[in-house]
């Protein structure tokens, strides 16, 4: 029997990773493959020198800074750099899930609209389930500030597991 594909959209917030214990609790490792999907805006070619910090990816303390160079830095090089940082950042989560028996892969999506980027990967990769954390808003704030999770749940034809972790 083919395994299901579970997409877990993440970003650099702690909130996004709070879905992981729920995935371990409710989604079996035997029947599901996990795709950790990091979404960020696409970098543009930064010209000569430093990285394009407008891409939305923020280097962590301890990362080596990019010094000015005599050659151009292309968008594809910045994407490769961001992908390497994402793999490093998600290493603890990836190892935890692999130790629990899951097959885990990491993908990085670059797009101006995170919802469209996630929907595209859902369709392209034939995803069976999306699992993600959300800040559940109610009333007027929900009307004006619809969350990414809410939009994905409405725009896909597949199940979406949403959790709203309690404030600590």
C-alpha atoms as a PDB file:
ATOM      1  CA  UNK A   1       0.000   0.000   0.000  1.00  0.00           C
ATOM      2  CA  UNK A   2       1.463   3.402  -0.951  1.00  0.00           C
ATOM      3  CA  UNK A   3       2.214   5.767   1.877  1.00  0.00           C
ATOM      4  CA  UNK A   4       0.378   9.035   2.404  1.00  0.00           C
ATOM      5  CA  UNK A   5       2.275  12.295   2.013  1.00  0.00           C
ATOM      6  CA  UNK A   6       1.878  14.740   4.881  1.00  0.00           C
ATOM      7  CA  UNK A   7       2.968  18.334   4.296  1.00  0.00           C
ATOM      8  CA  UNK A   8       4.038  20.294   7.370  1.00  0.00           C
ATOM      9  CA  UNK A   9       4.462  23.986   6.457  1.00  0.00           C
ATOM     10  CA  UNK A  10       7.003  25.722   8.680  1.00  0.00           C
ATOM     11  CA  UNK A  11       8.654  29.088   9.072  1.00  0.00           C
ATOM     12  CA  UNK A  12      11.086  30.491  11.614  1.00  0.00           C
ATOM     13  CA  UNK A  13       8.471  30.930  14.324  1.00  0.00           C
ATOM     14  CA  UNK A  14       8.263  28.629  17.336  1.00  0.00           C
ATOM     15  CA  UNK A  15       4.518  28.427  16.704  1.00  0.00           C
ATOM     16  CA  UNK A  16       4.962  26.637  13.386  1.00  0.00           C
ATOM     17  CA  UNK A  17       6.885  23.765  14.995  1.00  0.00           C
ATOM     18  CA  UNK A  18       4.305  23.176  17.731  1.00  0.00           C
ATOM     19  CA  UNK A  19       2.492  20.846  15.328  1.00  0.00           C
ATOM     20  CA  UNK A  20       5.259  18.224  15.608  1.00  0.00           C
ATOM     21  CA  UNK A  21       4.079  16.528  18.856  1.00  0.00           C
ATOM     22  CA  UNK A  22       0.564  16.277  17.375  1.00  0.00           C
ATOM     23  CA  UNK A  23       1.945  14.706  14.210  1.00  0.00           C
ATOM     24  CA  UNK A  24       3.720  12.115  16.361  1.00  0.00           C
ATOM     25  CA  UNK A  25       0.553  11.487  18.352  1.00  0.00           C
ATOM     26  CA  UNK A  26      -2.030  11.268  15.546  1.00  0.00           C
ATOM     27  CA  UNK A  27      -0.149  10.312  12.365  1.00  0.00           C
ATOM     28  CA  UNK A  28       1.472   6.886  12.133  1.00  0.00           C
ATOM     29  CA  UNK A  29       5.024   6.532  10.888  1.00  0.00           C
ATOM     30  CA  UNK A  30       4.182   3.280   9.087  1.00  0.00           C
ATOM     31  CA  UNK A  31       1.606   4.779   6.751  1.00  0.00           C
ATOM     32  CA  UNK A  32       2.837   8.347   6.238  1.00  0.00           C
ATOM     33  CA  UNK A  33       5.859  10.158   4.822  1.00  0.00           C
ATOM     34  CA  UNK A  34       6.471  13.669   6.149  1.00  0.00           C
ATOM     35  CA  UNK A  35       7.564  16.677   4.129  1.00  0.00           C
ATOM     36  CA  UNK A  36       8.771  19.604   6.225  1.00  0.00           C
ATOM     37  CA  UNK A  37       8.033  22.550   3.948  1.00  0.00           C
ATOM     38  CA  UNK A  38       9.741  25.843   4.748  1.00  0.00           C
ATOM     39  CA  UNK A  39       8.177  28.838   2.968  1.00  0.00           C
ATOM     40  CA  UNK A  40       9.915  32.170   2.368  1.00  0.00           C
ATOM     41  CA  UNK A  41       9.848  34.974  -0.171  1.00  0.00           C
ATOM     42  CA  UNK A  42      12.186  34.535  -3.141  1.00  0.00           C
ATOM     43  CA  UNK A  43      15.469  36.406  -2.954  1.00  0.00           C
ATOM     44  CA  UNK A  44      16.425  38.642  -5.829  1.00  0.00           C
ATOM     45  CA  UNK A  45      19.930  38.940  -7.121  1.00  0.00           C
ATOM     46  CA  UNK A  46      21.641  41.175  -4.583  1.00  0.00           C
ATOM     47  CA  UNK A  47      24.341  42.344  -6.950  1.00  0.00           C
ATOM     48  CA  UNK A  48      27.790  42.536  -5.421  1.00  0.00           C
ATOM     49  CA  UNK A  49      28.265  41.900  -1.754  1.00  0.00           C
ATOM     50  CA  UNK A  50      25.793  40.989   0.927  1.00  0.00           C
ATOM     51  CA  UNK A  51      22.761  38.733   0.885  1.00  0.00           C
ATOM     52  CA  UNK A  52      19.262  39.928   0.068  1.00  0.00           C
ATOM     53  CA  UNK A  53      17.800  40.348   3.538  1.00  0.00           C
ATOM     54  CA  UNK A  54      14.509  41.396   1.942  1.00  0.00           C
ATOM     55  CA  UNK A  55      13.876  37.733   1.099  1.00  0.00           C
ATOM     56  CA  UNK A  56      12.480  37.237   4.582  1.00  0.00           C
ATOM     57  CA  UNK A  57      15.027  34.704   5.811  1.00  0.00           C
ATOM     58  CA  UNK A  58      16.858  35.958   8.889  1.00  0.00           C
ATOM     59  CA  UNK A  59      20.286  34.472   9.641  1.00  0.00           C
ATOM     60  CA  UNK A  60      20.558  33.134  13.184  1.00  0.00           C
ATOM     61  CA  UNK A  61      23.189  34.271  15.709  1.00  0.00           C
ATOM     62  CA  UNK A  62      26.407  32.418  15.002  1.00  0.00           C
ATOM     63  CA  UNK A  63      25.827  32.163  11.244  1.00  0.00           C
ATOM     64  CA  UNK A  64      28.780  33.361   9.232  1.00  0.00           C
ATOM     65  CA  UNK A  65      28.083  36.660   7.552  1.00  0.00           C
ATOM     66  CA  UNK A  66      28.611  37.112   3.857  1.00  0.00           C
ATOM     67  CA  UNK A  67      31.407  39.586   3.280  1.00  0.00           C
ATOM     68  CA  UNK A  68      31.422  41.855   0.228  1.00  0.00           C
ATOM     69  CA  UNK A  69      32.808  40.043  -2.785  1.00  0.00           C
ATOM     70  CA  UNK A  70      34.180  40.926  -6.170  1.00  0.00           C
ATOM     71  CA  UNK A  71      31.673  38.730  -7.952  1.00  0.00           C
ATOM     72  CA  UNK A  72      27.898  38.950  -8.131  1.00  0.00           C
ATOM     73  CA  UNK A  73      25.668  36.978  -5.813  1.00  0.00           C
ATOM     74  CA  UNK A  74      22.845  35.436  -7.798  1.00  0.00           C
ATOM     75  CA  UNK A  75      19.350  34.619  -6.553  1.00  0.00           C
ATOM     76  CA  UNK A  76      19.994  30.893  -7.081  1.00  0.00           C
ATOM     77  CA  UNK A  77      23.069  31.110  -4.833  1.00  0.00           C
ATOM     78  CA  UNK A  78      21.010  32.824  -2.158  1.00  0.00           C
ATOM     79  CA  UNK A  79      18.321  30.128  -2.477  1.00  0.00           C
ATOM     80  CA  UNK A  80      20.961  27.425  -2.012  1.00  0.00           C
ATOM     81  CA  UNK A  81      22.289  29.274   1.038  1.00  0.00           C
ATOM     82  CA  UNK A  82      18.793  29.583   2.539  1.00  0.00           C
ATOM     83  CA  UNK A  83      18.113  25.874   1.871  1.00  0.00           C
ATOM     84  CA  UNK A  84      21.340  24.899   3.666  1.00  0.00           C
ATOM     85  CA  UNK A  85      20.401  27.047   6.672  1.00  0.00           C
ATOM     86  CA  UNK A  86      16.882  25.565   6.767  1.00  0.00           C
ATOM     87  CA  UNK A  87      18.237  21.997   6.745  1.00  0.00           C
ATOM     88  CA  UNK A  88      20.575  22.932   9.603  1.00  0.00           C
ATOM     89  CA  UNK A  89      17.790  24.658  11.594  1.00  0.00           C
ATOM     90  CA  UNK A  90      15.404  21.737  11.180  1.00  0.00           C
ATOM     91  CA  UNK A  91      18.015  19.089  11.983  1.00  0.00           C
ATOM     92  CA  UNK A  92      16.725  18.528  15.546  1.00  0.00           C
ATOM     93  CA  UNK A  93      13.108  18.174  14.369  1.00  0.00           C
ATOM     94  CA  UNK A  94      14.128  15.973  11.442  1.00  0.00           C
ATOM     95  CA  UNK A  95      16.220  13.680  13.647  1.00  0.00           C
ATOM     96  CA  UNK A  96      13.448  13.453  16.255  1.00  0.00           C
ATOM     97  CA  UNK A  97      10.919  12.381  13.618  1.00  0.00           C
ATOM     98  CA  UNK A  98      13.333   9.932  11.964  1.00  0.00           C
ATOM     99  CA  UNK A  99      14.087   8.345  15.335  1.00  0.00           C
ATOM    100  CA  UNK A 100      10.311   7.898  15.762  1.00  0.00           C
ATOM    101  CA  UNK A 101      10.300   5.917  12.497  1.00  0.00           C
ATOM    102  CA  UNK A 102       9.101   8.530  10.007  1.00  0.00           C
ATOM    103  CA  UNK A 103      10.522   9.026   6.548  1.00  0.00           C
ATOM    104  CA  UNK A 104      11.188  12.786   6.517  1.00  0.00           C
ATOM    105  CA  UNK A 105      12.232  15.139   3.744  1.00  0.00           C
ATOM    106  CA  UNK A 106      12.786  18.887   3.761  1.00  0.00           C
ATOM    107  CA  UNK A 107      11.711  21.193   0.956  1.00  0.00           C
ATOM    108  CA  UNK A 108      12.055  24.950   0.704  1.00  0.00           C
ATOM    109  CA  UNK A 109       9.481  26.918  -1.248  1.00  0.00           C
ATOM    110  CA  UNK A 110      10.120  30.411  -2.543  1.00  0.00           C
ATOM    111  CA  UNK A 111       7.063  32.502  -3.316  1.00  0.00           C
ATOM    112  CA  UNK A 112       5.613  35.953  -2.752  1.00  0.00           C
ATOM    113  CA  UNK A 113       2.356  34.505  -1.408  1.00  0.00           C
ATOM    114  CA  UNK A 114       2.827  31.689   1.131  1.00  0.00           C
ATOM    115  CA  UNK A 115      -0.685  30.338   0.553  1.00  0.00           C
ATOM    116  CA  UNK A 116      -0.168  30.021  -3.208  1.00  0.00           C
ATOM    117  CA  UNK A 117       3.263  28.469  -2.659  1.00  0.00           C
ATOM    118  CA  UNK A 118       1.828  25.860  -0.281  1.00  0.00           C
ATOM    119  CA  UNK A 119      -1.161  25.135  -2.557  1.00  0.00           C
ATOM    120  CA  UNK A 120       1.228  24.633  -5.496  1.00  0.00           C
ATOM    121  CA  UNK A 121       3.313  22.074  -3.609  1.00  0.00           C
ATOM    122  CA  UNK A 122       0.138  20.310  -2.425  1.00  0.00           C
ATOM    123  CA  UNK A 123      -0.975  19.886  -6.035  1.00  0.00           C
ATOM    124  CA  UNK A 124       2.460  19.152  -7.508  1.00  0.00           C
ATOM    125  CA  UNK A 125       3.474  16.588  -4.868  1.00  0.00           C
ATOM    126  CA  UNK A 126       0.031  14.966  -4.504  1.00  0.00           C
ATOM    127  CA  UNK A 127      -0.123  15.677  -0.775  1.00  0.00           C
ATOM    128  CA  UNK A 128      -2.766  13.739   1.214  1.00  0.00           C
ATOM    129  CA  UNK A 129      -2.791  15.818   4.420  1.00  0.00           C
ATOM    130  CA  UNK A 130      -1.517  19.182   5.628  1.00  0.00           C
ATOM    131  CA  UNK A 131      -0.617  19.508   9.315  1.00  0.00           C
ATOM    132  CA  UNK A 132       0.141  22.922  10.775  1.00  0.00           C
ATOM    133  CA  UNK A 133      -0.151  25.217  13.769  1.00  0.00           C
ATOM    134  CA  UNK A 134      -2.320  28.298  13.735  1.00  0.00           C
ATOM    135  CA  UNK A 135      -3.148  31.317  15.801  1.00  0.00           C
ATOM    136  CA  UNK A 136      -6.878  30.883  15.902  1.00  0.00           C
ATOM    137  CA  UNK A 137      -8.520  34.254  15.600  1.00  0.00           C
ATOM    138  CA  UNK A 138     -12.172  34.895  16.214  1.00  0.00           C
ATOM    139  CA  UNK A 139     -14.644  37.635  15.449  1.00  0.00           C
ATOM    140  CA  UNK A 140     -13.535  40.850  13.771  1.00  0.00           C
ATOM    141  CA  UNK A 141      -9.811  40.045  13.971  1.00  0.00           C
ATOM    142  CA  UNK A 142     -10.447  36.835  12.014  1.00  0.00           C
ATOM    143  CA  UNK A 143     -12.286  38.809   9.346  1.00  0.00           C
ATOM    144  CA  UNK A 144      -9.429  41.298   8.870  1.00  0.00           C
ATOM    145  CA  UNK A 145      -6.457  39.005   9.523  1.00  0.00           C
ATOM    146  CA  UNK A 146      -7.261  35.647   7.961  1.00  0.00           C
ATOM    147  CA  UNK A 147      -4.430  33.275   8.680  1.00  0.00           C
ATOM    148  CA  UNK A 148      -2.463  31.205   6.230  1.00  0.00           C
ATOM    149  CA  UNK A 149      -3.761  28.007   7.827  1.00  0.00           C
ATOM    150  CA  UNK A 150      -7.361  29.172   7.463  1.00  0.00           C
ATOM    151  CA  UNK A 151      -6.887  29.976   3.765  1.00  0.00           C
ATOM    152  CA  UNK A 152      -5.192  26.656   3.049  1.00  0.00           C
ATOM    153  CA  UNK A 153      -8.001  24.780   4.771  1.00  0.00           C
ATOM    154  CA  UNK A 154     -10.521  26.580   2.560  1.00  0.00           C
ATOM    155  CA  UNK A 155      -8.617  26.337  -0.732  1.00  0.00           C
ATOM    156  CA  UNK A 156      -7.632  22.657  -0.729  1.00  0.00           C
ATOM    157  CA  UNK A 157      -9.596  19.486  -1.286  1.00  0.00           C
ATOM    158  CA  UNK A 158      -7.549  17.507   1.235  1.00  0.00           C
ATOM    159  CA  UNK A 159      -7.774  17.252   5.026  1.00  0.00           C
ATOM    160  CA  UNK A 160      -5.917  19.891   7.036  1.00  0.00           C
ATOM    161  CA  UNK A 161      -4.946  19.160  10.641  1.00  0.00           C
ATOM    162  CA  UNK A 162      -4.798  22.489  12.477  1.00  0.00           C
ATOM    163  CA  UNK A 163      -3.743  22.930  16.070  1.00  0.00           C
ATOM    164  CA  UNK A 164      -3.936  26.076  18.145  1.00  0.00           C
ATOM    165  CA  UNK A 165      -1.335  25.627  20.872  1.00  0.00           C
ATOM    166  CA  UNK A 166      -2.247  27.160  24.205  1.00  0.00           C
ATOM    167  CA  UNK A 167      -0.433  30.336  25.167  1.00  0.00           C
ATOM    168  CA  UNK A 168       2.339  29.632  27.631  1.00  0.00           C
END
